[in-house]
Amino acid sequence: MDSMRGQGGIQMLLTAEQEAQQIVSAARNVKMTRLRQAKEEAEMEVANYRSHLEAEYKMTLSETSGSSDSTEKRLEIETEEKIQRLKKAASEVSPDVIAMLMKHITTIKT
């Protein structure tokens, strides 16, 4: 009887071991499935973030490159205005400068 009981105990142990292996295997499969799912979600988030940053970059790039023409025109206008102011100031001061030069040239120091 002991051998029957011993063999029944061994059989129970083998059955329990197989069940434990199945539980561990199922847990591994669930874990691997969760890891794959988390990896896919992370990849999607990275792709969304990358596309968002690229869109912002393109928008910033288009704003700055589009405004370079307007910036160039604005600078040309400002430069022309400054040139005109300098010419006007020079023409206003020119008679005084000529008079001063003539005075110094024609004055004889003894």
PDB file of N, CA and C in Angstrom:
ATOM      1  N   MET A   1       0.790  -1.185   0.000  1.00  0.00           N
ATOM      2  CA  MET A   1       0.000   0.000   0.000  1.00  0.00           C
ATOM      3  C   MET A   1       0.842   1.264   0.000  1.00  0.00           C
ATOM      4  N   ASP A   2       1.956   1.176   0.681  1.00  0.00           N
ATOM      5  CA  ASP A   2       2.833   2.332   0.704  1.00  0.00           C
ATOM      6  C   ASP A   2       3.337   2.675  -0.688  1.00  0.00           C
ATOM      7  N   SER A   3       3.567   1.649  -1.489  1.00  0.00           N
ATOM      8  CA  SER A   3       4.041   1.919  -2.837  1.00  0.00           C
ATOM      9  C   SER A   3       2.950   2.584  -3.674  1.00  0.00           C
ATOM     10  N   MET A   4       1.695   2.186  -3.418  1.00  0.00           N
ATOM     11  CA  MET A   4       0.590   2.817  -4.134  1.00  0.00           C
ATOM     12  C   MET A   4       0.444   4.271  -3.699  1.00  0.00           C
ATOM     13  N   ARG A   5       0.567   4.452  -2.393  1.00  0.00           N
ATOM     14  CA  ARG A   5       0.449   5.788  -1.863  1.00  0.00           C
ATOM     15  C   ARG A   5       1.620   6.642  -2.328  1.00  0.00           C
ATOM     16  N   GLY A   6       2.816   6.069  -2.352  1.00  0.00           N
ATOM     17  CA  GLY A   6       4.007   6.771  -2.800  1.00  0.00           C
ATOM     18  C   GLY A   6       3.910   7.130  -4.272  1.00  0.00           C
ATOM     19  N   GLN A   7       3.387   6.165  -5.058  1.00  0.00           N
ATOM     20  CA  GLN A   7       3.250   6.427  -6.476  1.00  0.00           C
ATOM     21  C   GLN A   7       2.163   7.461  -6.738  1.00  0.00           C
ATOM     22  N   GLY A   8       1.107   7.438  -5.973  1.00  0.00           N
ATOM     23  CA  GLY A   8       0.044   8.432  -6.090  1.00  0.00           C
ATOM     24  C   GLY A   8       0.569   9.806  -5.698  1.00  0.00           C
ATOM     25  N   GLY A   9       1.426   9.867  -4.704  1.00  0.00           N
ATOM     26  CA  GLY A   9       2.021  11.125  -4.267  1.00  0.00           C
ATOM     27  C   GLY A   9       2.956  11.685  -5.333  1.00  0.00           C
ATOM     28  N   ILE A  10       3.718  10.761  -5.947  1.00  0.00           N
ATOM     29  CA  ILE A  10       4.628  11.174  -7.015  1.00  0.00           C
ATOM     30  C   ILE A  10       3.821  11.712  -8.192  1.00  0.00           C
ATOM     31  N   GLN A  11       2.726  10.994  -8.500  1.00  0.00           N
ATOM     32  CA  GLN A  11       1.875  11.427  -9.598  1.00  0.00           C
ATOM     33  C   GLN A  11       1.281  12.803  -9.303  1.00  0.00           C
ATOM     34  N   MET A  12       0.885  13.033  -8.067  1.00  0.00           N
ATOM     35  CA  MET A  12       0.339  14.332  -7.677  1.00  0.00           C
ATOM     36  C   MET A  12       1.401  15.424  -7.805  1.00  0.00           C
ATOM     37  N   LEU A  13       2.621  15.068  -7.399  1.00  0.00           N
ATOM     38  CA  LEU A  13       3.715  16.027  -7.511  1.00  0.00           C
ATOM     39  C   LEU A  13       4.002  16.370  -8.970  1.00  0.00           C
ATOM     40  N   LEU A  14       3.997  15.359  -9.839  1.00  0.00           N
ATOM     41  CA  LEU A  14       4.227  15.600 -11.266  1.00  0.00           C
ATOM     42  C   LEU A  14       3.117  16.466 -11.859  1.00  0.00           C
ATOM     43  N   THR A  15       1.888  16.171 -11.465  1.00  0.00           N
ATOM     44  CA  THR A  15       0.749  16.947 -11.947  1.00  0.00           C
ATOM     45  C   THR A  15       0.870  18.396 -11.457  1.00  0.00           C
ATOM     46  N   ALA A  16       1.224  18.569 -10.192  1.00  0.00           N
ATOM     47  CA  ALA A  16       1.379  19.911  -9.630  1.00  0.00           C
ATOM     48  C   ALA A  16       2.515  20.649 -10.335  1.00  0.00           C
ATOM     49  N   GLU A  17       3.602  19.942 -10.647  1.00  0.00           N
ATOM     50  CA  GLU A  17       4.725  20.567 -11.346  1.00  0.00           C
ATOM     51  C   GLU A  17       4.304  21.011 -12.748  1.00  0.00           C
ATOM     52  N   GLN A  18       3.550  20.168 -13.440  1.00  0.00           N
ATOM     53  CA  GLN A  18       3.077  20.537 -14.773  1.00  0.00           C
ATOM     54  C   GLN A  18       2.148  21.747 -14.716  1.00  0.00           C
ATOM     55  N   GLU A  19       1.274  21.758 -13.715  1.00  0.00           N
ATOM     56  CA  GLU A  19       0.371  22.905 -13.558  1.00  0.00           C
ATOM     57  C   GLU A  19       1.169  24.181 -13.266  1.00  0.00           C
ATOM     58  N   ALA A  20       2.193  24.061 -12.434  1.00  0.00           N
ATOM     59  CA  ALA A  20       3.038  25.209 -12.104  1.00  0.00           C
ATOM     60  C   ALA A  20       3.763  25.695 -13.357  1.00  0.00           C
ATOM     61  N   GLN A  21       4.247  24.756 -14.162  1.00  0.00           N
ATOM     62  CA  GLN A  21       4.916  25.142 -15.406  1.00  0.00           C
ATOM     63  C   GLN A  21       3.950  25.859 -16.344  1.00  0.00           C
ATOM     64  N   GLN A  22       2.716  25.370 -16.397  1.00  0.00           N
ATOM     65  CA  GLN A  22       1.714  26.019 -17.237  1.00  0.00           C
ATOM     66  C   GLN A  22       1.408  27.433 -16.728  1.00  0.00           C
ATOM     67  N   ILE A  23       1.307  27.589 -15.413  1.00  0.00           N
ATOM     68  CA  ILE A  23       1.033  28.905 -14.827  1.00  0.00           C
ATOM     69  C   ILE A  23       2.189  29.854 -15.116  1.00  0.00           C
ATOM     70  N   VAL A  24       3.425  29.373 -14.935  1.00  0.00           N
ATOM     71  CA  VAL A  24       4.603  30.196 -15.201  1.00  0.00           C
ATOM     72  C   VAL A  24       4.665  30.555 -16.683  1.00  0.00           C
ATOM     73  N   SER A  25       4.393  29.591 -17.545  1.00  0.00           N
ATOM     74  CA  SER A  25       4.409  29.839 -18.987  1.00  0.00           C
ATOM     75  C   SER A  25       3.335  30.859 -19.370  1.00  0.00           C
ATOM     76  N   ALA A  26       2.152  30.735 -18.806  1.00  0.00           N
ATOM     77  CA  ALA A  26       1.080  31.684 -19.090  1.00  0.00           C
ATOM     78  C   ALA A  26       1.469  33.080 -18.599  1.00  0.00           C
ATOM     79  N   ALA A  27       2.088  33.147 -17.421  1.00  0.00           N
ATOM     80  CA  ALA A  27       2.520  34.447 -16.892  1.00  0.00           C
ATOM     81  C   ALA A  27       3.595  35.054 -17.797  1.00  0.00           C
ATOM     82  N   ARG A  28       4.509  34.232 -18.290  1.00  0.00           N
ATOM     83  CA  ARG A  28       5.527  34.726 -19.219  1.00  0.00           C
ATOM     84  C   ARG A  28       4.882  35.263 -20.498  1.00  0.00           C
ATOM     85  N   ASN A  29       3.928  34.519 -21.006  1.00  0.00           N
ATOM     86  CA  ASN A  29       3.245  34.969 -22.218  1.00  0.00           C
ATOM     87  C   ASN A  29       2.523  36.287 -21.998  1.00  0.00           C
ATOM     88  N   VAL A  30       1.851  36.427 -20.860  1.00  0.00           N
ATOM     89  CA  VAL A  30       1.152  37.674 -20.541  1.00  0.00           C
ATOM     90  C   VAL A  30       2.170  38.810 -20.424  1.00  0.00           C
ATOM     91  N   LYS A  31       3.287  38.520 -19.751  1.00  0.00           N
ATOM     92  CA  LYS A  31       4.331  39.530 -19.584  1.00  0.00           C
ATOM     93  C   LYS A  31       4.884  39.958 -20.942  1.00  0.00           C
ATOM     94  N   MET A  32       5.182  39.008 -21.804  1.00  0.00           N
ATOM     95  CA  MET A  32       5.722  39.325 -23.130  1.00  0.00           C
ATOM     96  C   MET A  32       4.705  40.123 -23.944  1.00  0.00           C
ATOM     97  N   THR A  33       3.433  39.755 -23.840  1.00  0.00           N
ATOM     98  CA  THR A  33       2.385  40.479 -24.545  1.00  0.00           C
ATOM     99  C   THR A  33       2.313  41.925 -24.048  1.00  0.00           C
ATOM    100  N   ARG A  34       2.384  42.102 -22.734  1.00  0.00           N
ATOM    101  CA  ARG A  34       2.350  43.457 -22.168  1.00  0.00           C
ATOM    102  C   ARG A  34       3.573  44.259 -22.605  1.00  0.00           C
ATOM    103  N   LEU A  35       4.737  43.610 -22.616  1.00  0.00           N
ATOM    104  CA  LEU A  35       5.952  44.310 -23.049  1.00  0.00           C
ATOM    105  C   LEU A  35       5.856  44.734 -24.511  1.00  0.00           C
ATOM    106  N   ARG A  36       5.371  43.849 -25.371  1.00  0.00           N
ATOM    107  CA  ARG A  36       5.199  44.203 -26.785  1.00  0.00           C
ATOM    108  C   ARG A  36       4.222  45.366 -26.939  1.00  0.00           C
ATOM    109  N   GLN A  37       3.132  45.296 -26.195  1.00  0.00           N
ATOM    110  CA  GLN A  37       2.121  46.339 -26.258  1.00  0.00           C
ATOM    111  C   GLN A  37       2.702  47.669 -25.769  1.00  0.00           C
ATOM    112  N   ALA A  38       3.450  47.630 -24.677  1.00  0.00           N
ATOM    113  CA  ALA A  38       4.063  48.856 -24.159  1.00  0.00           C
ATOM    114  C   ALA A  38       5.074  49.414 -25.152  1.00  0.00           C
ATOM    115  N   LYS A  39       5.832  48.524 -25.798  1.00  0.00           N
ATOM    116  CA  LYS A  39       6.805  48.972 -26.792  1.00  0.00           C
ATOM    117  C   LYS A  39       6.103  49.632 -27.973  1.00  0.00           C
ATOM    118  N   GLU A  40       5.015  49.035 -28.455  1.00  0.00           N
ATOM    119  CA  GLU A  40       4.266  49.609 -29.571  1.00  0.00           C
ATOM    120  C   GLU A  40       3.676  50.970 -29.192  1.00  0.00           C
ATOM    121  N   GLU A  41       3.143  51.076 -27.972  1.00  0.00           N
ATOM    122  CA  GLU A  41       2.591  52.353 -27.521  1.00  0.00           C
ATOM    123  C   GLU A  41       3.686  53.416 -27.430  1.00  0.00           C
ATOM    124  N   ALA A  42       4.846  53.015 -26.913  1.00  0.00           N
ATOM    125  CA  ALA A  42       5.965  53.963 -26.800  1.00  0.00           C
ATOM    126  C   ALA A  42       6.421  54.414 -28.184  1.00  0.00           C
ATOM    127  N   GLU A  43       6.492  53.483 -29.127  1.00  0.00           N
ATOM    128  CA  GLU A  43       6.886  53.837 -30.497  1.00  0.00           C
ATOM    129  C   GLU A  43       5.879  54.798 -31.122  1.00  0.00           C
ATOM    130  N   MET A  44       4.582  54.565 -30.860  1.00  0.00           N
ATOM    131  CA  MET A  44       3.557  55.466 -31.389  1.00  0.00           C
ATOM    132  C   MET A  44       3.690  56.859 -30.770  1.00  0.00           C
ATOM    133  N   GLU A  45       3.950  56.918 -29.462  1.00  0.00           N
ATOM    134  CA  GLU A  45       4.122  58.210 -28.803  1.00  0.00           C
ATOM    135  C   GLU A  45       5.337  58.940 -29.355  1.00  0.00           C
ATOM    136  N   VAL A  46       6.416  58.210 -29.572  1.00  0.00           N
ATOM    137  CA  VAL A  46       7.629  58.824 -30.123  1.00  0.00           C
ATOM    138  C   VAL A  46       7.350  59.350 -31.528  1.00  0.00           C
ATOM    139  N   ALA A  47       6.653  58.569 -32.327  1.00  0.00           N
ATOM    140  CA  ALA A  47       6.329  58.998 -33.688  1.00  0.00           C
ATOM    141  C   ALA A  47       5.435  60.234 -33.668  1.00  0.00           C
ATOM    142  N   ASN A  48       4.436  60.256 -32.781  1.00  0.00           N
ATOM    143  CA  ASN A  48       3.553  61.429 -32.671  1.00  0.00           C
ATOM    144  C   ASN A  48       4.333  62.655 -32.226  1.00  0.00           C
ATOM    145  N   TYR A  49       5.204  62.476 -31.238  1.00  0.00           N
ATOM    146  CA  TYR A  49       6.000  63.595 -30.731  1.00  0.00           C
ATOM    147  C   TYR A  49       6.943  64.109 -31.813  1.00  0.00           C
ATOM    148  N   ARG A  50       7.565  63.172 -32.535  1.00  0.00           N
ATOM    149  CA  ARG A  50       8.483  63.564 -33.609  1.00  0.00           C
ATOM    150  C   ARG A  50       7.736  64.347 -34.690  1.00  0.00           C
ATOM    151  N   SER A  51       6.572  63.863 -35.087  1.00  0.00           N
ATOM    152  CA  SER A  51       5.817  64.566 -36.126  1.00  0.00           C
ATOM    153  C   SER A  51       5.363  65.944 -35.628  1.00  0.00           C
ATOM    154  N   HIS A  52       5.027  66.042 -34.338  1.00  0.00           N
ATOM    155  CA  HIS A  52       4.642  67.332 -33.760  1.00  0.00           C
ATOM    156  C   HIS A  52       5.825  68.301 -33.807  1.00  0.00           C
ATOM    157  N   LEU A  53       7.004  67.836 -33.415  1.00  0.00           N
ATOM    158  CA  LEU A  53       8.192  68.697 -33.448  1.00  0.00           C
ATOM    159  C   LEU A  53       8.561  69.082 -34.876  1.00  0.00           C
ATOM    160  N   GLU A  54       8.441  68.148 -35.803  1.00  0.00           N
ATOM    161  CA  GLU A  54       8.743  68.456 -37.198  1.00  0.00           C
ATOM    162  C   GLU A  54       7.769  69.506 -37.739  1.00  0.00           C
ATOM    163  N   ALA A  55       6.504  69.388 -37.364  1.00  0.00           N
ATOM    164  CA  ALA A  55       5.512  70.370 -37.813  1.00  0.00           C
ATOM    165  C   ALA A  55       5.832  71.750 -37.250  1.00  0.00           C
ATOM    166  N   GLU A  56       6.206  71.799 -35.967  1.00  0.00           N
ATOM    167  CA  GLU A  56       6.587  73.084 -35.362  1.00  0.00           C
ATOM    168  C   GLU A  56       7.816  73.655 -36.061  1.00  0.00           C
ATOM    169  N   TYR A  57       8.782  72.802 -36.345  1.00  0.00           N
ATOM    170  CA  TYR A  57      10.017  73.249 -37.005  1.00  0.00           C
ATOM    171  C   TYR A  57       9.708  73.802 -38.394  1.00  0.00           C
ATOM    172  N   LYS A  58       8.884  73.081 -39.151  1.00  0.00           N
ATOM    173  CA  LYS A  58       8.535  73.533 -40.494  1.00  0.00           C
ATOM    174  C   LYS A  58       7.776  74.866 -40.436  1.00  0.00           C
ATOM    175  N   MET A  59       6.890  75.005 -39.436  1.00  0.00           N
ATOM    176  CA  MET A  59       6.136  76.242 -39.310  1.00  0.00           C
ATOM    177  C   MET A  59       7.086  77.397 -38.965  1.00  0.00           C
ATOM    178  N   THR A  60       7.994  77.153 -38.038  1.00  0.00           N
ATOM    179  CA  THR A  60       8.969  78.190 -37.670  1.00  0.00           C
ATOM    180  C   THR A  60       9.852  78.527 -38.853  1.00  0.00           C
ATOM    181  N   LEU A  61      10.267  77.517 -39.580  1.00  0.00           N
ATOM    182  CA  LEU A  61      11.118  77.721 -40.746  1.00  0.00           C
ATOM    183  C   LEU A  61      10.395  78.534 -41.810  1.00  0.00           C
ATOM    184  N   SER A  62       9.130  78.211 -42.045  1.00  0.00           N
ATOM    185  CA  SER A  62       8.375  78.952 -43.059  1.00  0.00           C
ATOM    186  C   SER A  62       8.131  80.388 -42.618  1.00  0.00           C
ATOM    187  N   GLU A  63       7.928  80.595 -41.310  1.00  0.00           N
ATOM    188  CA  GLU A  63       7.728  81.960 -40.815  1.00  0.00           C
ATOM    189  C   GLU A  63       8.994  82.792 -40.989  1.00  0.00           C
ATOM    190  N   THR A  64      10.133  82.207 -40.665  1.00  0.00           N
ATOM    191  CA  THR A  64      11.379  82.975 -40.750  1.00  0.00           C
ATOM    192  C   THR A  64      11.824  83.162 -42.186  1.00  0.00           C
ATOM    193  N   SER A  65      11.670  82.141 -43.016  1.00  0.00           N
ATOM    194  CA  SER A  65      12.103  82.295 -44.406  1.00  0.00           C
ATOM    195  C   SER A  65      11.126  83.174 -45.175  1.00  0.00           C
ATOM    196  N   GLY A  66       9.864  83.102 -44.829  1.00  0.00           N
ATOM    197  CA  GLY A  66       8.867  83.943 -45.496  1.00  0.00           C
ATOM    198  C   GLY A  66       9.053  85.402 -45.137  1.00  0.00           C
ATOM    199  N   SER A  67       9.507  85.662 -43.948  1.00  0.00           N
ATOM    200  CA  SER A  67       9.666  87.038 -43.523  1.00  0.00           C
ATOM    201  C   SER A  67      11.021  87.611 -43.936  1.00  0.00           C
ATOM    202  N   SER A  68      11.885  86.790 -44.497  1.00  0.00           N
ATOM    203  CA  SER A  68      13.189  87.321 -44.906  1.00  0.00           C
ATOM    204  C   SER A  68      13.016  88.330 -46.038  1.00  0.00           C
ATOM    205  N   ASP A  69      12.052  88.094 -46.915  1.00  0.00           N
ATOM    206  CA  ASP A  69      11.780  89.055 -47.981  1.00  0.00           C
ATOM    207  C   ASP A  69      11.277  90.369 -47.398  1.00  0.00           C
ATOM    208  N   SER A  70      10.351  90.270 -46.472  1.00  0.00           N
ATOM    209  CA  SER A  70       9.827  91.490 -45.858  1.00  0.00           C
ATOM    210  C   SER A  70      10.898  92.180 -45.028  1.00  0.00           C
ATOM    211  N   THR A  71      11.744  91.401 -44.369  1.00  0.00           N
ATOM    212  CA  THR A  71      12.840  91.985 -43.595  1.00  0.00           C
ATOM    213  C   THR A  71      13.812  92.694 -44.522  1.00  0.00           C
ATOM    214  N   GLU A  72      14.089  92.084 -45.657  1.00  0.00           N
ATOM    215  CA  GLU A  72      14.997  92.697 -46.624  1.00  0.00           C
ATOM    216  C   GLU A  72      14.420  94.018 -47.146  1.00  0.00           C
ATOM    217  N   LYS A  73      13.149  94.025 -47.468  1.00  0.00           N
ATOM    218  CA  LYS A  73      12.502  95.248 -47.959  1.00  0.00           C
ATOM    219  C   LYS A  73      12.509  96.330 -46.889  1.00  0.00           C
ATOM    220  N   ARG A  74      12.202  95.934 -45.655  1.00  0.00           N
ATOM    221  CA  ARG A  74      12.189  96.895 -44.557  1.00  0.00           C
ATOM    222  C   ARG A  74      13.573  97.501 -44.364  1.00  0.00           C
ATOM    223  N   LEU A  75      14.611  96.671 -44.418  1.00  0.00           N
ATOM    224  CA  LEU A  75      15.975  97.177 -44.265  1.00  0.00           C
ATOM    225  C   LEU A  75      16.369  98.099 -45.414  1.00  0.00           C
ATOM    226  N   GLU A  76      15.941  97.767 -46.618  1.00  0.00           N
ATOM    227  CA  GLU A  76      16.232  98.643 -47.755  1.00  0.00           C
ATOM    228  C   GLU A  76      15.575 100.010 -47.574  1.00  0.00           C
ATOM    229  N   ILE A  77      14.336 100.020 -47.120  1.00  0.00           N
ATOM    230  CA  ILE A  77      13.622 101.282 -46.909  1.00  0.00           C
ATOM    231  C   ILE A  77      14.307 102.098 -45.821  1.00  0.00           C
ATOM    232  N   GLU A  78      14.658 101.430 -44.714  1.00  0.00           N
ATOM    233  CA  GLU A  78      15.325 102.133 -43.618  1.00  0.00           C
ATOM    234  C   GLU A  78      16.666 102.700 -44.076  1.00  0.00           C
ATOM    235  N   THR A  79      17.412 101.920 -44.842  1.00  0.00           N
ATOM    236  CA  THR A  79      18.708 102.383 -45.338  1.00  0.00           C
ATOM    237  C   THR A  79      18.540 103.591 -46.245  1.00  0.00           C
ATOM    238  N   GLU A  80      17.577 103.530 -47.134  1.00  0.00           N
ATOM    239  CA  GLU A  80      17.329 104.655 -48.046  1.00  0.00           C
ATOM    240  C   GLU A  80      16.931 105.910 -47.265  1.00  0.00           C
ATOM    241  N   GLU A  81      16.097 105.727 -46.236  1.00  0.00           N
ATOM    242  CA  GLU A  81      15.701 106.874 -45.411  1.00  0.00           C
ATOM    243  C   GLU A  81      16.914 107.481 -44.711  1.00  0.00           C
ATOM    244  N   LYS A  82      17.795 106.641 -44.185  1.00  0.00           N
ATOM    245  CA  LYS A  82      18.998 107.149 -43.506  1.00  0.00           C
ATOM    246  C   LYS A  82      19.910 107.884 -44.490  1.00  0.00           C
ATOM    247  N   ILE A  83      20.039 107.359 -45.692  1.00  0.00           N
ATOM    248  CA  ILE A  83      20.867 108.017 -46.719  1.00  0.00           C
ATOM    249  C   ILE A  83      20.294 109.385 -47.038  1.00  0.00           C
ATOM    250  N   GLN A  84      18.981 109.475 -47.198  1.00  0.00           N
ATOM    251  CA  GLN A  84      18.343 110.759 -47.510  1.00  0.00           C
ATOM    252  C   GLN A  84      18.538 111.758 -46.372  1.00  0.00           C
ATOM    253  N   ARG A  85      18.423 111.283 -45.098  1.00  0.00           N
ATOM    254  CA  ARG A  85      18.642 112.184 -43.963  1.00  0.00           C
ATOM    255  C   ARG A  85      20.079 112.687 -43.929  1.00  0.00           C
ATOM    256  N   LEU A  86      21.040 111.804 -44.217  1.00  0.00           N
ATOM    257  CA  LEU A  86      22.449 112.209 -44.228  1.00  0.00           C
ATOM    258  C   LEU A  86      22.722 113.210 -45.348  1.00  0.00           C
ATOM    259  N   LYS A  87      22.135 112.978 -46.529  1.00  0.00           N
ATOM    260  CA  LYS A  87      22.315 113.919 -47.636  1.00  0.00           C
ATOM    261  C   LYS A  87      21.730 115.280 -47.282  1.00  0.00           C
ATOM    262  N   LYS A  88      20.565 115.290 -46.652  1.00  0.00           N
ATOM    263  CA  LYS A  88      19.925 116.551 -46.271  1.00  0.00           C
ATOM    264  C   LYS A  88      20.778 117.291 -45.246  1.00  0.00           C
ATOM    265  N   ALA A  89      21.271 116.536 -44.245  1.00  0.00           N
ATOM    266  CA  ALA A  89      22.111 117.164 -43.218  1.00  0.00           C
ATOM    267  C   ALA A  89      23.395 117.704 -43.845  1.00  0.00           C
ATOM    268  N   ALA A  90      23.972 116.971 -44.775  1.00  0.00           N
ATOM    269  CA  ALA A  90      25.200 117.430 -45.443  1.00  0.00           C
ATOM    270  C   ALA A  90      24.931 118.678 -46.269  1.00  0.00           C
ATOM    271  N   SER A  91      23.820 118.724 -46.962  1.00  0.00           N
ATOM    272  CA  SER A  91      23.519 119.904 -47.779  1.00  0.00           C
ATOM    273  C   SER A  91      23.236 121.124 -46.910  1.00  0.00           C
ATOM    274  N   GLU A  92      22.679 120.929 -45.722  1.00  0.00           N
ATOM    275  CA  GLU A  92      22.422 122.041 -44.811  1.00  0.00           C
ATOM    276  C   GLU A  92      23.722 122.587 -44.223  1.00  0.00           C
ATOM    277  N   VAL A  93      24.677 121.743 -43.968  1.00  0.00           N
ATOM    278  CA  VAL A  93      25.930 122.138 -43.331  1.00  0.00           C
ATOM    279  C   VAL A  93      26.970 122.547 -44.373  1.00  0.00           C
ATOM    280  N   SER A  94      26.784 122.138 -45.596  1.00  0.00           N
ATOM    281  CA  SER A  94      27.768 122.380 -46.649  1.00  0.00           C
ATOM    282  C   SER A  94      28.165 123.855 -46.799  1.00  0.00           C
ATOM    283  N   PRO A  95      27.237 124.813 -46.868  1.00  0.00           N
ATOM    284  CA  PRO A  95      27.658 126.226 -46.998  1.00  0.00           C
ATOM    285  C   PRO A  95      28.527 126.691 -45.828  1.00  0.00           C
ATOM    286  N   ASP A  96      28.214 126.283 -44.608  1.00  0.00           N
ATOM    287  CA  ASP A  96      29.010 126.669 -43.443  1.00  0.00           C
ATOM    288  C   ASP A  96      30.416 126.092 -43.528  1.00  0.00           C
ATOM    289  N   VAL A  97      30.529 124.838 -43.954  1.00  0.00           N
ATOM    290  CA  VAL A  97      31.839 124.187 -44.082  1.00  0.00           C
ATOM    291  C   VAL A  97      32.665 124.887 -45.154  1.00  0.00           C
ATOM    292  N   ILE A  98      32.040 125.221 -46.275  1.00  0.00           N
ATOM    293  CA  ILE A  98      32.756 125.909 -47.364  1.00  0.00           C
ATOM    294  C   ILE A  98      33.230 127.289 -46.891  1.00  0.00           C
ATOM    295  N   ALA A  99      32.386 127.999 -46.163  1.00  0.00           N
ATOM    296  CA  ALA A  99      32.759 129.325 -45.659  1.00  0.00           C
ATOM    297  C   ALA A  99      33.925 129.214 -44.692  1.00  0.00           C
ATOM    298  N   MET A 100      33.889 128.226 -43.818  1.00  0.00           N
ATOM    299  CA  MET A 100      34.965 128.034 -42.855  1.00  0.00           C
ATOM    300  C   MET A 100      36.274 127.684 -43.567  1.00  0.00           C
ATOM    301  N   LEU A 101      36.208 126.816 -44.556  1.00  0.00           N
ATOM    302  CA  LEU A 101      37.412 126.448 -45.304  1.00  0.00           C
ATOM    303  C   LEU A 101      37.974 127.657 -46.055  1.00  0.00           C
ATOM    304  N   MET A 102      37.109 128.427 -46.667  1.00  0.00           N
ATOM    305  CA  MET A 102      37.554 129.622 -47.399  1.00  0.00           C
ATOM    306  C   MET A 102      38.215 130.620 -46.456  1.00  0.00           C
ATOM    307  N   LYS A 103      37.681 130.764 -45.276  1.00  0.00           N
ATOM    308  CA  LYS A 103      38.236 131.693 -44.301  1.00  0.00           C
ATOM    309  C   LYS A 103      39.640 131.256 -43.903  1.00  0.00           C
ATOM    310  N   HIS A 104      39.808 129.953 -43.640  1.00  0.00           N
ATOM    311  CA  HIS A 104      41.116 129.440 -43.221  1.00  0.00           C
ATOM    312  C   HIS A 104      42.115 129.496 -44.372  1.00  0.00           C
ATOM    313  N   ILE A 105      41.676 129.284 -45.562  1.00  0.00           N
ATOM    314  CA  ILE A 105      42.585 129.309 -46.705  1.00  0.00           C
ATOM    315  C   ILE A 105      43.022 130.743 -47.023  1.00  0.00           C
ATOM    316  N   THR A 106      42.103 131.641 -46.939  1.00  0.00           N
ATOM    317  CA  THR A 106      42.432 133.035 -47.339  1.00  0.00           C
ATOM    318  C   THR A 106      43.047 133.863 -46.216  1.00  0.00           C
ATOM    319  N   THR A 107      43.023 133.378 -45.034  1.00  0.00           N
ATOM    320  CA  THR A 107      43.623 134.119 -43.919  1.00  0.00           C
ATOM    321  C   THR A 107      45.113 133.846 -43.893  1.00  0.00           C
ATOM    322  N   ILE A 108      45.877 134.931 -43.805  1.00  0.00           N
ATOM    323  CA  ILE A 108      47.325 134.819 -43.784  1.00  0.00           C
ATOM    324  C   ILE A 108      47.785 135.082 -42.353  1.00  0.00           C
ATOM    325  N   LYS A 109      48.562 134.163 -41.865  1.00  0.00           N
ATOM    326  CA  LYS A 109      49.093 134.319 -40.520  1.00  0.00           C
ATOM    327  C   LYS A 109      50.480 134.918 -40.625  1.00  0.00           C
ATOM    328  N   THR A 110      50.752 135.920 -39.834  1.00  0.00           N
ATOM    329  CA  THR A 110      52.051 136.576 -39.881  1.00  0.00           C
ATOM    330  C   THR A 110      52.822 136.385 -38.616  1.00  0.00           C
TER     331      THR A 110
END
